[in-house]
Amino acid sequence: MKPVVWLIGGTSESRNLIKFMAELDIILYVSVATDYGASLIEAQTNLHVMVERMDLSAMRNFITVNKPDCVIDATHPYATIVTSTVQKACEETGCEYLRLVRPAAEEHENCIIVQDFNEAVELLSHTEGNIFLTTGSKTLQEFTSVPDYKERIALRVLPMLDSLSKALELGYKPANIICMQGPFSELLNIEMMRKYNSIYLVTKDSGSIGGFEEKAQAAAKAGAKLIVIARNGEEFGTGYSEIVKLLKDRYGSGK
């Protein structure tokens, strides 16, 4: 019987890893949180995609029933709740846990690093001028506390109906909402900031593969201040190339 691998995805690295694992002699289960995330994954013969937000109990049950050889956590660096839940599920079931870590971006001179979204909101509440918000739909509620946010904030979210609906329900102006899928070039970031006369760009530290460098350079060239939400530091994990080598050494290519 072929070994089973369970990958919990949602990042570009996870999609690349899925493609690589098409050549391995395994059964691959991939969990994503949304139908949109599932639509970005290319079909392959050894792949089963599941769209489901699992709690601890569901994760434990999945591991118990399907008996994966290992679980690969390839979620976003800011999906800390998911990561902690997966870790606990693996610990309680005795399943091997592998964390795919995205390298952090390099620091830039033209930036202010804050520890969380609330600190970013507090900082912006004492400023004037337009803001280009690129932290995703999950954090839109927090930024409604910024004075005059309806006029000041232009935001970019994924082209998903629930993201747009959430922004509209929170009172963001339709003309200030961009629904697009990245990656975004430096030039496109500059043009978007200039369109909205943004003098602040708010982003997460999504690393080079997440488009951080393009945003940082764009902010500098557009004359905007870069506000970076710091990560909750991960003390362990494995880089993409190391994960690939581990899987290749362990499972080879039996196809």
Protein backbone atom coordinates (compact mmCIF):
# COMPACT_ATOMS: atom_id res chain seq x y z
CA MET A 1 0.00 0.00 0.00
CA LYS A 2 1.31 3.44 -0.92
CA PRO A 3 2.29 5.80 1.90
CA VAL A 4 -0.05 8.70 2.61
CA VAL A 5 1.08 12.31 2.97
CA TRP A 6 -1.20 15.07 4.21
CA LEU A 7 -0.33 18.62 3.21
CA ILE A 8 -2.14 21.60 4.68
CA GLY A 9 -1.69 24.36 2.14
CA GLY A 10 -2.68 27.84 1.08
CA THR A 11 0.60 29.36 -0.14
CA SER A 12 2.41 29.46 -3.47
CA GLU A 13 5.12 27.23 -2.01
CA SER A 14 2.52 24.61 -1.13
CA ARG A 15 1.24 24.57 -4.71
CA ASN A 16 4.79 24.12 -6.00
CA LEU A 17 5.31 21.29 -3.53
CA ILE A 18 2.10 19.61 -4.66
CA LYS A 19 3.35 19.64 -8.27
CA PHE A 20 6.63 18.10 -7.15
CA MET A 21 4.83 15.36 -5.24
CA ALA A 22 2.95 14.32 -8.37
CA GLU A 23 6.08 12.34 -9.25
CA LEU A 24 6.27 10.54 -5.92
CA ASP A 25 4.80 7.12 -5.31
CA ILE A 26 2.39 8.32 -2.62
CA ILE A 27 -1.22 9.15 -1.96
CA LEU A 28 -1.44 12.88 -1.35
CA TYR A 29 -4.21 14.62 0.59
CA VAL A 30 -4.25 18.42 0.49
CA SER A 31 -6.37 20.60 2.77
CA VAL A 32 -7.27 24.19 1.88
CA ALA A 33 -9.67 26.58 3.56
CA THR A 34 -11.61 27.86 0.54
CA ASP A 35 -12.94 26.83 -2.86
CA TYR A 36 -10.79 29.57 -4.32
CA GLY A 37 -7.68 27.99 -2.82
CA ALA A 38 -8.71 24.64 -4.27
CA SER A 39 -9.18 26.17 -7.72
CA LEU A 40 -5.50 27.19 -7.80
CA ILE A 41 -4.31 23.59 -7.42
CA GLU A 42 -3.69 21.64 -10.62
CA ALA A 43 -5.21 18.17 -10.80
CA GLN A 44 -2.89 15.16 -10.64
CA THR A 45 -3.44 11.43 -10.38
CA ASN A 46 -2.27 10.93 -6.79
CA LEU A 47 -4.03 14.00 -5.38
CA HIS A 48 -7.16 14.41 -3.24
CA VAL A 49 -8.09 18.02 -2.42
CA MET A 50 -10.29 18.79 0.59
CA VAL A 51 -11.92 22.17 1.22
CA GLU A 52 -12.52 22.32 4.95
CA ARG A 53 -11.54 24.38 7.97
CA MET A 54 -10.65 21.70 10.53
CA ASP A 55 -10.58 22.09 14.28
CA LEU A 56 -8.37 19.97 16.54
CA SER A 57 -10.89 17.15 16.78
CA ALA A 58 -11.31 16.95 13.01
CA MET A 59 -7.55 16.92 12.48
CA ARG A 60 -7.05 14.15 15.03
CA ASN A 61 -9.80 12.12 13.41
CA PHE A 62 -8.34 12.57 9.92
CA ILE A 63 -4.93 11.39 11.08
CA THR A 64 -6.43 8.40 12.92
CA VAL A 65 -8.54 7.29 9.96
CA ASN A 66 -6.11 7.97 7.08
CA LYS A 67 -2.83 7.24 8.91
CA PRO A 68 -0.57 9.68 7.03
CA ASP A 69 3.14 8.94 7.11
CA CYS A 70 3.68 12.63 7.83
CA VAL A 71 1.84 15.96 7.89
CA ILE A 72 3.33 18.94 6.06
CA ASP A 73 2.20 22.30 7.40
CA ALA A 74 2.59 24.68 4.44
CA THR A 75 0.23 27.36 5.70
CA HIS A 76 0.95 31.08 5.64
CA PRO A 77 3.39 32.42 8.28
CA TYR A 78 0.52 34.42 9.82
CA ALA A 79 -1.85 31.44 10.10
CA THR A 80 -0.59 30.84 13.63
CA ILE A 81 -3.80 29.29 14.98
CA VAL A 82 -3.84 26.67 12.22
CA THR A 83 -0.17 25.87 12.78
CA SER A 84 -0.57 25.43 16.53
CA THR A 85 -3.63 23.21 15.99
CA VAL A 86 -1.84 21.00 13.46
CA GLN A 87 1.15 20.67 15.80
CA LYS A 88 -1.09 19.59 18.65
CA ALA A 89 -2.99 17.09 16.49
CA CYS A 90 0.27 15.50 15.36
CA GLU A 91 1.63 15.42 18.90
CA GLU A 92 -1.50 13.75 20.25
CA THR A 93 -1.61 11.13 17.48
CA GLY A 94 2.14 10.49 17.23
CA CYS A 95 2.25 11.58 13.58
CA GLU A 96 5.39 13.19 12.15
CA TYR A 97 5.00 16.95 11.71
CA LEU A 98 6.98 18.92 9.11
CA ARG A 99 6.76 22.71 8.98
CA LEU A 100 7.52 24.39 5.65
CA VAL A 101 8.92 27.78 6.66
CA ARG A 102 8.98 30.77 4.34
CA PRO A 103 12.14 32.86 4.77
CA ALA A 104 11.49 36.29 6.27
CA ALA A 105 12.02 39.38 4.15
CA GLU A 106 15.03 41.58 4.59
CA GLU A 107 14.56 44.81 6.53
CA HIS A 108 14.36 48.09 4.64
CA GLU A 109 15.30 51.60 5.69
CA ASN A 110 11.98 53.06 4.61
CA CYS A 111 9.82 51.06 6.98
CA ILE A 112 8.24 51.01 10.41
CA ILE A 113 7.93 47.56 11.98
CA VAL A 114 4.97 47.03 14.31
CA GLN A 115 4.24 43.94 16.38
CA ASP A 116 0.62 43.35 15.39
CA PHE A 117 -2.38 44.78 13.57
CA ASN A 118 -3.59 46.73 16.60
CA GLU A 119 -0.26 48.53 16.80
CA ALA A 120 -0.52 49.40 13.10
CA VAL A 121 -4.00 50.82 13.67
CA GLU A 122 -2.78 52.84 16.64
CA LEU A 123 0.10 54.25 14.60
CA LEU A 124 -2.10 55.19 11.65
CA SER A 125 -4.65 56.79 13.97
CA HIS A 126 -2.09 59.49 14.72
CA THR A 127 -1.30 60.25 11.08
CA GLU A 128 -2.90 61.99 8.15
CA GLY A 129 -2.91 60.96 4.51
CA ASN A 130 -4.08 58.03 2.43
CA ILE A 131 -3.27 54.40 3.18
CA PHE A 132 -2.85 51.43 0.84
CA LEU A 133 -3.80 48.30 2.81
CA THR A 134 -2.52 44.92 1.58
CA THR A 135 -2.97 42.66 4.63
CA GLY A 136 -5.99 40.71 3.38
CA SER A 137 -9.68 40.56 4.22
CA LYS A 138 -9.29 38.96 7.66
CA THR A 139 -7.92 42.17 9.15
CA LEU A 140 -10.34 44.67 7.63
CA GLN A 141 -12.36 44.99 10.84
CA GLU A 142 -9.34 46.21 12.81
CA PHE A 143 -8.58 49.02 10.36
CA THR A 144 -12.07 50.50 10.62
CA SER A 145 -10.77 52.05 13.85
CA VAL A 146 -8.49 54.35 11.84
CA PRO A 147 -10.08 57.84 11.76
CA ASP A 148 -11.73 58.61 8.40
CA TYR A 149 -10.89 55.10 7.19
CA LYS A 150 -13.63 55.21 4.54
CA GLU A 151 -11.87 58.11 2.84
CA ARG A 152 -8.26 57.29 3.70
CA ILE A 153 -7.94 53.56 3.04
CA ALA A 154 -7.68 51.85 -0.33
CA LEU A 155 -7.39 48.09 0.03
CA ARG A 156 -6.40 45.07 -2.03
CA VAL A 157 -7.94 41.65 -1.39
CA LEU A 158 -8.29 38.38 -3.26
CA PRO A 159 -10.97 38.21 -6.00
CA MET A 160 -13.44 36.32 -3.83
CA LEU A 161 -17.06 37.27 -3.21
CA ASP A 162 -16.81 36.93 0.57
CA SER A 163 -13.77 39.25 0.67
CA LEU A 164 -15.56 41.93 -1.34
CA SER A 165 -18.76 41.51 0.68
CA LYS A 166 -16.88 41.87 3.95
CA ALA A 167 -15.18 45.07 2.79
CA LEU A 168 -18.48 46.58 1.67
CA GLU A 169 -20.29 45.57 4.86
CA LEU A 170 -17.59 47.27 6.91
CA GLY A 171 -18.14 50.50 5.03
CA TYR A 172 -15.10 50.64 2.76
CA LYS A 173 -15.85 52.60 -0.41
CA PRO A 174 -16.37 50.46 -3.54
CA ALA A 175 -14.07 52.77 -5.51
CA ASN A 176 -11.27 52.04 -3.00
CA ILE A 177 -11.45 48.24 -3.21
CA ILE A 178 -9.15 46.27 -5.53
CA CYS A 179 -9.92 42.55 -5.95
CA MET A 180 -6.92 40.90 -7.60
CA GLN A 181 -4.77 37.80 -7.35
CA GLY A 182 -1.00 38.35 -7.05
CA PRO A 183 1.88 38.24 -7.46
CA PHE A 184 2.13 41.98 -8.15
CA SER A 185 5.06 43.65 -9.83
CA GLU A 186 6.86 46.65 -8.39
CA LEU A 187 5.46 48.80 -11.18
CA LEU A 188 1.87 47.71 -10.58
CA ASN A 189 2.21 48.40 -6.86
CA ILE A 190 3.53 51.89 -7.65
CA GLU A 191 0.65 52.62 -10.02
CA MET A 192 -1.93 51.48 -7.46
CA MET A 193 -0.44 53.65 -4.72
CA ARG A 194 -0.26 56.65 -7.00
CA LYS A 195 -3.86 56.14 -8.14
CA TYR A 196 -5.03 56.46 -4.54
CA ASN A 197 -2.43 59.06 -3.49
CA SER A 198 -1.25 56.68 -0.77
CA ILE A 199 1.54 57.87 1.50
CA TYR A 200 1.44 54.72 3.66
CA LEU A 201 1.58 51.10 2.53
CA VAL A 202 0.63 48.47 5.12
CA THR A 203 1.81 44.91 4.57
CA LYS A 204 2.65 41.70 6.34
CA ASP A 205 6.15 40.25 6.22
CA SER A 206 5.20 37.73 3.55
CA GLY A 207 8.79 37.13 2.45
CA SER A 208 10.25 37.46 -1.02
CA ILE A 209 8.03 34.73 -2.45
CA GLY A 210 4.99 36.57 -1.08
CA GLY A 211 5.81 39.79 -2.92
CA PHE A 212 7.28 41.73 0.00
CA GLU A 213 10.30 43.04 -1.91
CA GLU A 214 8.14 44.38 -4.74
CA LYS A 215 5.97 46.25 -2.24
CA ALA A 216 8.94 47.60 -0.31
CA GLN A 217 10.63 48.90 -3.45
CA ALA A 218 7.36 50.32 -4.76
CA ALA A 219 6.73 52.20 -1.51
CA ALA A 220 10.20 53.71 -1.65
CA LYS A 221 9.80 54.83 -5.27
CA ALA A 222 6.28 56.16 -4.67
CA GLY A 223 7.47 58.13 -1.66
CA ALA A 224 5.29 56.16 0.75
CA LYS A 225 6.15 54.98 4.24
CA LEU A 226 6.13 51.19 4.60
CA ILE A 227 4.43 49.78 7.70
CA VAL A 228 5.27 46.10 8.24
CA ILE A 229 3.36 43.77 10.56
CA ALA A 230 6.02 41.59 12.18
CA ARG A 231 5.65 37.83 12.34
CA ASN A 232 5.27 35.80 15.47
CA GLY A 233 8.74 34.28 15.21
CA GLU A 234 8.88 30.60 14.35
CA GLU A 235 11.68 28.85 16.17
CA PHE A 236 11.75 25.78 13.96
CA GLY A 237 10.89 24.58 10.51
CA THR A 238 12.34 23.46 7.21
CA GLY A 239 12.94 25.39 4.00
CA TYR A 240 11.40 24.44 0.67
CA SER A 241 14.49 22.82 -0.85
CA GLU A 242 15.10 20.78 2.32
CA ILE A 243 11.49 19.53 2.32
CA VAL A 244 11.82 18.53 -1.34
CA LYS A 245 15.04 16.62 -0.66
CA LEU A 246 13.53 14.87 2.36
CA LEU A 247 10.48 13.74 0.36
CA LYS A 248 12.55 12.63 -2.62
CA ASP A 249 14.94 10.64 -0.43
CA ARG A 250 12.09 9.05 1.48
CA TYR A 251 9.60 8.26 -1.27
CA GLY A 252 11.60 8.41 -4.50
CA SER A 253 9.76 8.29 -7.79
CA GLY A 254 7.89 5.08 -8.40
CA LYS A 255 5.92 6.26 -11.41
